Amino acid sequence: MKIVIETSLKNDKNNETDTFSVIMDMEQLANIVKSGGLESGNKALDGFVQKYINQFKEKFGKYVNK
């Protein structure tokens, strides 16, 4: 199963929307936990969250500077 987190940025002036998504593959995470334990799984989740944060900062910065 894959979990998709979709984030939309929309302003109140012209309803311009910028959307981006990140995908978490739960099977891949399960394999990481099976082979490396919970600590490895937590590190993988941390990496996923960091990827989302980096994409959010990039998109938000571009959106604000338009």
N, C-alpha and C. Protein backbone atom coordinates (compact mmCIF):
# COMPACT_ATOMS: atom_id res chain seq x y z
N MET A 1 0.84 -1.17 0.00
CA MET A 1 0.00 0.00 0.00
C MET A 1 0.90 1.24 0.00
N LYS A 2 0.44 2.25 -0.71
CA LYS A 2 1.15 3.52 -0.74
C LYS A 2 0.25 4.59 -0.14
N ILE A 3 0.85 5.44 0.67
CA ILE A 3 0.14 6.56 1.26
C ILE A 3 0.62 7.83 0.57
N VAL A 4 -0.32 8.61 0.08
CA VAL A 4 -0.01 9.85 -0.62
C VAL A 4 -0.44 11.02 0.26
N ILE A 5 0.49 11.92 0.51
CA ILE A 5 0.17 13.16 1.22
C ILE A 5 0.23 14.27 0.18
N GLU A 6 -0.90 14.92 -0.03
CA GLU A 6 -0.99 15.98 -1.02
C GLU A 6 -1.22 17.31 -0.29
N THR A 7 -0.42 18.30 -0.65
CA THR A 7 -0.52 19.62 -0.02
C THR A 7 -0.79 20.65 -1.10
N SER A 8 -1.77 21.51 -0.85
CA SER A 8 -2.11 22.57 -1.79
C SER A 8 -1.89 23.92 -1.14
N LEU A 9 -1.28 24.82 -1.88
CA LEU A 9 -1.11 26.21 -1.45
C LEU A 9 -2.01 27.05 -2.34
N LYS A 10 -2.86 27.86 -1.72
CA LYS A 10 -3.83 28.64 -2.48
C LYS A 10 -3.94 30.02 -1.86
N ASN A 11 -3.94 31.07 -2.71
CA ASN A 11 -4.08 32.41 -2.14
C ASN A 11 -5.51 32.90 -2.30
N ASP A 12 -5.84 33.98 -1.59
CA ASP A 12 -7.21 34.49 -1.61
C ASP A 12 -7.45 35.54 -2.69
N LYS A 13 -6.42 35.91 -3.43
CA LYS A 13 -6.60 36.96 -4.44
C LYS A 13 -7.08 36.41 -5.77
N ASN A 14 -6.36 35.43 -6.33
CA ASN A 14 -6.74 34.93 -7.66
C ASN A 14 -6.98 33.42 -7.65
N ASN A 15 -7.10 32.85 -6.48
CA ASN A 15 -7.34 31.40 -6.33
C ASN A 15 -6.31 30.53 -7.04
N GLU A 16 -5.12 31.07 -7.23
CA GLU A 16 -4.04 30.29 -7.84
C GLU A 16 -3.60 29.21 -6.86
N THR A 17 -3.53 27.98 -7.33
CA THR A 17 -3.19 26.86 -6.46
C THR A 17 -1.92 26.18 -6.95
N ASP A 18 -1.06 25.85 -6.01
CA ASP A 18 0.14 25.06 -6.29
C ASP A 18 0.06 23.82 -5.41
N THR A 19 0.11 22.65 -6.00
CA THR A 19 -0.06 21.40 -5.27
C THR A 19 1.16 20.52 -5.47
N PHE A 20 1.55 19.83 -4.40
CA PHE A 20 2.61 18.84 -4.52
C PHE A 20 2.27 17.64 -3.65
N SER A 21 2.88 16.50 -3.95
CA SER A 21 2.60 15.27 -3.23
C SER A 21 3.89 14.56 -2.85
N VAL A 22 3.83 13.81 -1.77
CA VAL A 22 4.89 12.88 -1.40
C VAL A 22 4.23 11.52 -1.18
N ILE A 23 4.95 10.46 -1.50
CA ILE A 23 4.39 9.11 -1.43
C ILE A 23 5.23 8.26 -0.49
N MET A 24 4.55 7.58 0.43
CA MET A 24 5.21 6.64 1.34
C MET A 24 4.75 5.23 0.97
N ASP A 25 5.71 4.40 0.58
CA ASP A 25 5.43 3.01 0.23
C ASP A 25 5.53 2.16 1.50
N MET A 26 4.39 1.73 2.01
CA MET A 26 4.35 1.00 3.27
C MET A 26 5.01 -0.38 3.17
N GLU A 27 4.97 -1.00 2.00
CA GLU A 27 5.65 -2.29 1.82
C GLU A 27 7.16 -2.12 1.95
N GLN A 28 7.66 -1.06 1.37
CA GLN A 28 9.09 -0.78 1.46
C GLN A 28 9.48 -0.51 2.92
N LEU A 29 8.65 0.22 3.63
CA LEU A 29 8.92 0.48 5.04
C LEU A 29 8.91 -0.82 5.85
N ALA A 30 7.95 -1.68 5.57
CA ALA A 30 7.87 -2.97 6.26
C ALA A 30 9.13 -3.79 6.01
N ASN A 31 9.63 -3.77 4.78
CA ASN A 31 10.86 -4.51 4.46
C ASN A 31 12.06 -3.94 5.20
N ILE A 32 12.10 -2.62 5.35
CA ILE A 32 13.19 -1.99 6.09
C ILE A 32 13.14 -2.43 7.55
N VAL A 33 11.95 -2.45 8.13
CA VAL A 33 11.80 -2.87 9.53
C VAL A 33 12.18 -4.34 9.69
N LYS A 34 11.74 -5.18 8.75
CA LYS A 34 12.06 -6.61 8.82
C LYS A 34 13.56 -6.86 8.76
N SER A 35 14.23 -6.14 7.88
CA SER A 35 15.65 -6.39 7.70
C SER A 35 16.54 -5.63 8.68
N GLY A 36 16.10 -4.45 9.13
CA GLY A 36 16.97 -3.62 9.96
C GLY A 36 16.43 -3.28 11.33
N GLY A 37 15.19 -3.68 11.61
CA GLY A 37 14.60 -3.40 12.91
C GLY A 37 13.87 -2.07 12.96
N LEU A 38 13.28 -1.82 14.13
CA LEU A 38 12.47 -0.61 14.31
C LEU A 38 13.29 0.67 14.17
N GLU A 39 14.53 0.63 14.63
CA GLU A 39 15.37 1.83 14.52
C GLU A 39 15.55 2.22 13.05
N SER A 40 15.78 1.24 12.21
CA SER A 40 15.92 1.52 10.77
C SER A 40 14.61 2.04 10.20
N GLY A 41 13.51 1.46 10.65
CA GLY A 41 12.20 1.94 10.19
C GLY A 41 11.96 3.38 10.60
N ASN A 42 12.33 3.71 11.83
CA ASN A 42 12.17 5.09 12.30
C ASN A 42 13.05 6.05 11.52
N LYS A 43 14.25 5.62 11.18
CA LYS A 43 15.14 6.47 10.37
C LYS A 43 14.54 6.69 8.98
N ALA A 44 13.93 5.64 8.42
CA ALA A 44 13.27 5.77 7.11
C ALA A 44 12.10 6.76 7.19
N LEU A 45 11.32 6.67 8.27
CA LEU A 45 10.21 7.62 8.46
C LEU A 45 10.72 9.04 8.63
N ASP A 46 11.81 9.19 9.38
CA ASP A 46 12.41 10.51 9.54
C ASP A 46 12.85 11.08 8.19
N GLY A 47 13.43 10.23 7.35
CA GLY A 47 13.84 10.65 6.02
C GLY A 47 12.65 11.08 5.16
N PHE A 48 11.56 10.34 5.28
CA PHE A 48 10.33 10.68 4.55
C PHE A 48 9.80 12.03 4.99
N VAL A 49 9.73 12.25 6.30
CA VAL A 49 9.23 13.51 6.83
C VAL A 49 10.15 14.66 6.41
N GLN A 50 11.45 14.44 6.45
CA GLN A 50 12.39 15.49 6.04
C GLN A 50 12.22 15.83 4.56
N LYS A 51 11.98 14.81 3.74
CA LYS A 51 11.73 15.04 2.31
C LYS A 51 10.49 15.92 2.13
N TYR A 52 9.44 15.63 2.89
CA TYR A 52 8.22 16.43 2.81
C TYR A 52 8.49 17.87 3.24
N ILE A 53 9.20 18.03 4.35
CA ILE A 53 9.50 19.38 4.85
C ILE A 53 10.31 20.16 3.83
N ASN A 54 11.31 19.54 3.22
CA ASN A 54 12.13 20.22 2.21
C ASN A 54 11.30 20.63 1.01
N GLN A 55 10.42 19.74 0.54
CA GLN A 55 9.56 20.08 -0.59
C GLN A 55 8.60 21.21 -0.22
N PHE A 56 8.05 21.15 1.01
CA PHE A 56 7.14 22.19 1.45
C PHE A 56 7.84 23.55 1.48
N LYS A 57 9.03 23.60 2.07
CA LYS A 57 9.78 24.86 2.14
C LYS A 57 10.06 25.41 0.75
N GLU A 58 10.47 24.53 -0.17
CA GLU A 58 10.77 24.97 -1.54
C GLU A 58 9.52 25.52 -2.22
N LYS A 59 8.42 24.78 -2.17
CA LYS A 59 7.19 25.21 -2.82
C LYS A 59 6.63 26.47 -2.16
N PHE A 60 6.65 26.51 -0.83
CA PHE A 60 6.11 27.66 -0.11
C PHE A 60 6.92 28.92 -0.41
N GLY A 61 8.25 28.78 -0.44
CA GLY A 61 9.10 29.92 -0.76
C GLY A 61 8.83 30.47 -2.15
N LYS A 62 8.69 29.58 -3.13
CA LYS A 62 8.39 30.02 -4.49
C LYS A 62 7.00 30.66 -4.55
N TYR A 63 6.06 30.08 -3.83
CA TYR A 63 4.68 30.59 -3.85
C TYR A 63 4.60 31.98 -3.23
N VAL A 64 5.29 32.17 -2.12
CA VAL A 64 5.26 33.45 -1.43
C VAL A 64 5.95 34.54 -2.26
N ASN A 65 6.99 34.17 -3.00
CA ASN A 65 7.75 35.15 -3.78
C ASN A 65 7.16 35.46 -5.14
N LYS A 66 6.01 34.92 -5.46
CA LYS A 66 5.39 35.21 -6.77
C LYS A 66 4.90 36.64 -6.82
